[in-house]
Amino acid sequence: MNVMYGSAANLVLLAMESQQAMHLRLYRLGLGGPKAIDEASLMVREKIVAFSNAMAAAMAGGSFESLIDDYRTVVRANIERLEPAD
């Protein structure tokens, strides 16, 4: 597969997964209460850490593909944590 198309597909998957994570986070925040406060605090911390890690990786010569993979790992972990238990 062409590297450019592989990166584009990975980026599209990141966008879709991010949308799902945002939906779940907004639901959690909308419920209010202590869990919403904890989620808001965690969300801000995670975004700062993720951005810092991405910048460090980029400055160290990391590839675009590895940056997207790292973000997808974090987003998927958030989805798993935020999905309601059956």
N, C-alpha and C. Protein backbone atom coordinates (compact mmCIF):
# COMPACT_ATOMS: atom_id res chain seq x y z
N MET A 1 0.85 -1.18 0.00
CA MET A 1 0.00 0.00 0.00
C MET A 1 0.89 1.24 0.00
N ASN A 2 0.46 2.22 -0.71
CA ASN A 2 1.17 3.49 -0.74
C ASN A 2 1.17 4.09 0.66
N VAL A 3 2.32 4.56 1.11
CA VAL A 3 2.45 5.11 2.47
C VAL A 3 1.49 6.27 2.69
N MET A 4 1.31 7.11 1.68
CA MET A 4 0.43 8.26 1.83
C MET A 4 -1.01 7.82 2.09
N TYR A 5 -1.46 6.79 1.38
CA TYR A 5 -2.83 6.32 1.57
C TYR A 5 -2.98 5.63 2.91
N GLY A 6 -1.96 4.93 3.36
CA GLY A 6 -2.00 4.30 4.68
C GLY A 6 -2.12 5.34 5.78
N SER A 7 -1.36 6.42 5.65
CA SER A 7 -1.44 7.50 6.64
C SER A 7 -2.79 8.18 6.60
N ALA A 8 -3.33 8.37 5.41
CA ALA A 8 -4.64 9.01 5.28
C ALA A 8 -5.72 8.14 5.93
N ALA A 9 -5.66 6.84 5.70
CA ALA A 9 -6.63 5.94 6.30
C ALA A 9 -6.51 5.95 7.83
N ASN A 10 -5.29 5.97 8.32
CA ASN A 10 -5.06 6.02 9.76
C ASN A 10 -5.58 7.32 10.35
N LEU A 11 -5.43 8.40 9.61
CA LEU A 11 -5.92 9.70 10.06
C LEU A 11 -7.45 9.73 10.08
N VAL A 12 -8.08 9.11 9.09
CA VAL A 12 -9.54 9.02 9.06
C VAL A 12 -10.04 8.20 10.25
N LEU A 13 -9.36 7.10 10.54
CA LEU A 13 -9.74 6.28 11.70
C LEU A 13 -9.59 7.07 13.00
N LEU A 14 -8.52 7.85 13.09
CA LEU A 14 -8.34 8.70 14.28
C LEU A 14 -9.50 9.69 14.41
N ALA A 15 -9.90 10.28 13.32
CA ALA A 15 -11.01 11.24 13.35
C ALA A 15 -12.30 10.56 13.81
N MET A 16 -12.57 9.38 13.29
CA MET A 16 -13.79 8.66 13.67
C MET A 16 -13.76 8.24 15.14
N GLU A 17 -12.63 7.73 15.58
CA GLU A 17 -12.50 7.32 16.98
C GLU A 17 -12.57 8.53 17.91
N SER A 18 -11.99 9.65 17.49
CA SER A 18 -12.03 10.86 18.30
C SER A 18 -13.46 11.36 18.45
N GLN A 19 -14.24 11.24 17.38
CA GLN A 19 -15.65 11.64 17.44
C GLN A 19 -16.40 10.80 18.45
N GLN A 20 -16.13 9.51 18.47
CA GLN A 20 -16.78 8.63 19.43
C GLN A 20 -16.37 8.98 20.86
N ALA A 21 -15.08 9.25 21.06
CA ALA A 21 -14.60 9.62 22.39
C ALA A 21 -15.23 10.95 22.84
N MET A 22 -15.35 11.90 21.93
CA MET A 22 -15.97 13.19 22.28
C MET A 22 -17.43 12.98 22.67
N HIS A 23 -18.14 12.14 21.93
CA HIS A 23 -19.54 11.86 22.26
C HIS A 23 -19.65 11.28 23.67
N LEU A 24 -18.81 10.30 23.99
CA LEU A 24 -18.86 9.68 25.30
C LEU A 24 -18.47 10.66 26.41
N ARG A 25 -17.48 11.51 26.12
CA ARG A 25 -17.07 12.50 27.13
C ARG A 25 -18.16 13.53 27.36
N LEU A 26 -18.79 14.00 26.30
CA LEU A 26 -19.87 14.97 26.47
C LEU A 26 -21.03 14.38 27.26
N TYR A 27 -21.31 13.12 27.02
CA TYR A 27 -22.35 12.43 27.78
C TYR A 27 -21.97 12.41 29.26
N ARG A 28 -20.73 12.03 29.56
CA ARG A 28 -20.26 11.97 30.95
C ARG A 28 -20.32 13.36 31.59
N LEU A 29 -19.88 14.38 30.84
CA LEU A 29 -19.92 15.74 31.38
C LEU A 29 -21.35 16.22 31.59
N GLY A 30 -22.23 15.83 30.68
CA GLY A 30 -23.63 16.25 30.76
C GLY A 30 -24.36 15.67 31.95
N LEU A 31 -23.91 14.53 32.45
CA LEU A 31 -24.54 13.94 33.62
C LEU A 31 -24.27 14.75 34.88
N GLY A 32 -23.19 15.52 34.87
CA GLY A 32 -22.84 16.35 36.02
C GLY A 32 -22.31 15.53 37.18
N GLY A 33 -22.15 16.21 38.29
CA GLY A 33 -21.70 15.54 39.51
C GLY A 33 -20.19 15.37 39.56
N PRO A 34 -19.73 14.64 40.57
CA PRO A 34 -18.29 14.46 40.77
C PRO A 34 -17.59 13.77 39.60
N LYS A 35 -18.28 12.81 38.94
CA LYS A 35 -17.66 12.13 37.81
C LYS A 35 -17.40 13.11 36.66
N ALA A 36 -18.29 14.06 36.47
CA ALA A 36 -18.10 15.05 35.40
C ALA A 36 -16.92 15.95 35.72
N ILE A 37 -16.79 16.34 36.97
CA ILE A 37 -15.67 17.19 37.37
C ILE A 37 -14.35 16.44 37.19
N ASP A 38 -14.33 15.18 37.60
CA ASP A 38 -13.13 14.36 37.43
C ASP A 38 -12.80 14.19 35.94
N GLU A 39 -13.82 13.97 35.12
CA GLU A 39 -13.61 13.78 33.69
C GLU A 39 -13.05 15.04 33.04
N ALA A 40 -13.58 16.20 33.41
CA ALA A 40 -13.09 17.47 32.85
C ALA A 40 -11.62 17.69 33.21
N SER A 41 -11.29 17.40 34.45
CA SER A 41 -9.90 17.56 34.90
C SER A 41 -8.97 16.58 34.17
N LEU A 42 -9.41 15.34 34.07
CA LEU A 42 -8.62 14.33 33.38
C LEU A 42 -8.44 14.68 31.91
N MET A 43 -9.49 15.18 31.29
CA MET A 43 -9.45 15.54 29.87
C MET A 43 -8.38 16.61 29.61
N VAL A 44 -8.35 17.61 30.44
CA VAL A 44 -7.37 18.69 30.25
C VAL A 44 -5.94 18.15 30.45
N ARG A 45 -5.74 17.37 31.51
CA ARG A 45 -4.41 16.79 31.75
C ARG A 45 -3.97 15.91 30.59
N GLU A 46 -4.88 15.06 30.11
CA GLU A 46 -4.54 14.15 29.01
C GLU A 46 -4.16 14.91 27.74
N LYS A 47 -4.87 15.97 27.46
CA LYS A 47 -4.59 16.74 26.24
C LYS A 47 -3.21 17.40 26.33
N ILE A 48 -2.87 17.92 27.50
CA ILE A 48 -1.55 18.54 27.68
C ILE A 48 -0.45 17.50 27.53
N VAL A 49 -0.64 16.34 28.16
CA VAL A 49 0.37 15.28 28.09
C VAL A 49 0.49 14.76 26.65
N ALA A 50 -0.64 14.54 25.98
CA ALA A 50 -0.61 14.01 24.61
C ALA A 50 0.10 14.99 23.67
N PHE A 51 -0.19 16.28 23.82
CA PHE A 51 0.45 17.28 22.97
C PHE A 51 1.95 17.34 23.26
N SER A 52 2.32 17.30 24.53
CA SER A 52 3.74 17.33 24.90
C SER A 52 4.47 16.12 24.34
N ASN A 53 3.85 14.95 24.45
CA ASN A 53 4.47 13.73 23.92
C ASN A 53 4.60 13.80 22.41
N ALA A 54 3.59 14.31 21.74
CA ALA A 54 3.64 14.42 20.27
C ALA A 54 4.73 15.39 19.84
N MET A 55 4.85 16.50 20.52
CA MET A 55 5.89 17.48 20.17
C MET A 55 7.28 16.89 20.42
N ALA A 56 7.45 16.19 21.52
CA ALA A 56 8.75 15.57 21.81
C ALA A 56 9.09 14.52 20.76
N ALA A 57 8.11 13.72 20.38
CA ALA A 57 8.34 12.69 19.36
C ALA A 57 8.66 13.33 18.01
N ALA A 58 7.95 14.39 17.65
CA ALA A 58 8.20 15.07 16.38
C ALA A 58 9.58 15.70 16.37
N MET A 59 9.97 16.31 17.47
CA MET A 59 11.28 16.95 17.54
C MET A 59 12.40 15.91 17.52
N ALA A 60 12.09 14.69 17.98
CA ALA A 60 13.08 13.62 17.97
C ALA A 60 13.12 12.89 16.62
N GLY A 61 12.29 13.35 15.68
CA GLY A 61 12.31 12.76 14.35
C GLY A 61 11.29 11.66 14.14
N GLY A 62 10.30 11.57 15.01
CA GLY A 62 9.26 10.55 14.87
C GLY A 62 8.46 10.76 13.59
N SER A 63 7.97 9.69 13.05
CA SER A 63 7.20 9.77 11.81
C SER A 63 5.77 10.23 12.08
N PHE A 64 5.15 10.74 11.05
CA PHE A 64 3.75 11.16 11.13
C PHE A 64 2.88 9.96 11.51
N GLU A 65 3.17 8.83 10.90
CA GLU A 65 2.41 7.61 11.17
C GLU A 65 2.50 7.22 12.65
N SER A 66 3.68 7.32 13.24
CA SER A 66 3.82 6.95 14.65
C SER A 66 3.09 7.93 15.56
N LEU A 67 3.06 9.20 15.18
CA LEU A 67 2.31 10.19 15.97
C LEU A 67 0.82 9.86 15.95
N ILE A 68 0.30 9.54 14.78
CA ILE A 68 -1.12 9.20 14.66
C ILE A 68 -1.41 7.92 15.45
N ASP A 69 -0.53 6.93 15.35
CA ASP A 69 -0.72 5.68 16.10
C ASP A 69 -0.76 5.95 17.60
N ASP A 70 0.11 6.82 18.08
CA ASP A 70 0.14 7.15 19.51
C ASP A 70 -1.17 7.81 19.94
N TYR A 71 -1.65 8.76 19.14
CA TYR A 71 -2.92 9.43 19.46
C TYR A 71 -4.07 8.43 19.44
N ARG A 72 -4.07 7.52 18.45
CA ARG A 72 -5.14 6.53 18.37
C ARG A 72 -5.14 5.62 19.59
N THR A 73 -3.97 5.29 20.10
CA THR A 73 -3.88 4.45 21.29
C THR A 73 -4.54 5.13 22.49
N VAL A 74 -4.27 6.42 22.65
CA VAL A 74 -4.86 7.18 23.75
C VAL A 74 -6.37 7.30 23.57
N VAL A 75 -6.80 7.59 22.36
CA VAL A 75 -8.24 7.76 22.10
C VAL A 75 -8.98 6.45 22.34
N ARG A 76 -8.44 5.35 21.87
CA ARG A 76 -9.11 4.05 22.07
C ARG A 76 -9.18 3.69 23.56
N ALA A 77 -8.15 4.04 24.32
CA ALA A 77 -8.18 3.79 25.77
C ALA A 77 -9.28 4.60 26.43
N ASN A 78 -9.46 5.83 25.98
CA ASN A 78 -10.54 6.66 26.51
C ASN A 78 -11.90 6.09 26.17
N ILE A 79 -12.06 5.60 24.96
CA ILE A 79 -13.34 5.00 24.57
C ILE A 79 -13.65 3.81 25.46
N GLU A 80 -12.68 2.95 25.68
CA GLU A 80 -12.89 1.78 26.53
C GLU A 80 -13.26 2.19 27.95
N ARG A 81 -12.60 3.23 28.45
CA ARG A 81 -12.86 3.68 29.82
C ARG A 81 -14.23 4.33 29.94
N LEU A 82 -14.67 5.05 28.92
CA LEU A 82 -15.90 5.82 29.00
C LEU A 82 -17.15 5.05 28.60
N GLU A 83 -16.99 3.95 27.85
CA GLU A 83 -18.17 3.20 27.43
C GLU A 83 -18.88 2.62 28.65
N PRO A 84 -20.20 2.74 28.65
CA PRO A 84 -20.95 2.18 29.78
C PRO A 84 -20.82 0.66 29.83
N ALA A 85 -20.76 0.13 31.02
CA ALA A 85 -20.68 -1.33 31.18
C ALA A 85 -22.05 -1.93 30.89
N ASP A 86 -22.04 -3.07 30.25
CA ASP A 86 -23.32 -3.74 29.94
C ASP A 86 -23.82 -4.53 31.09
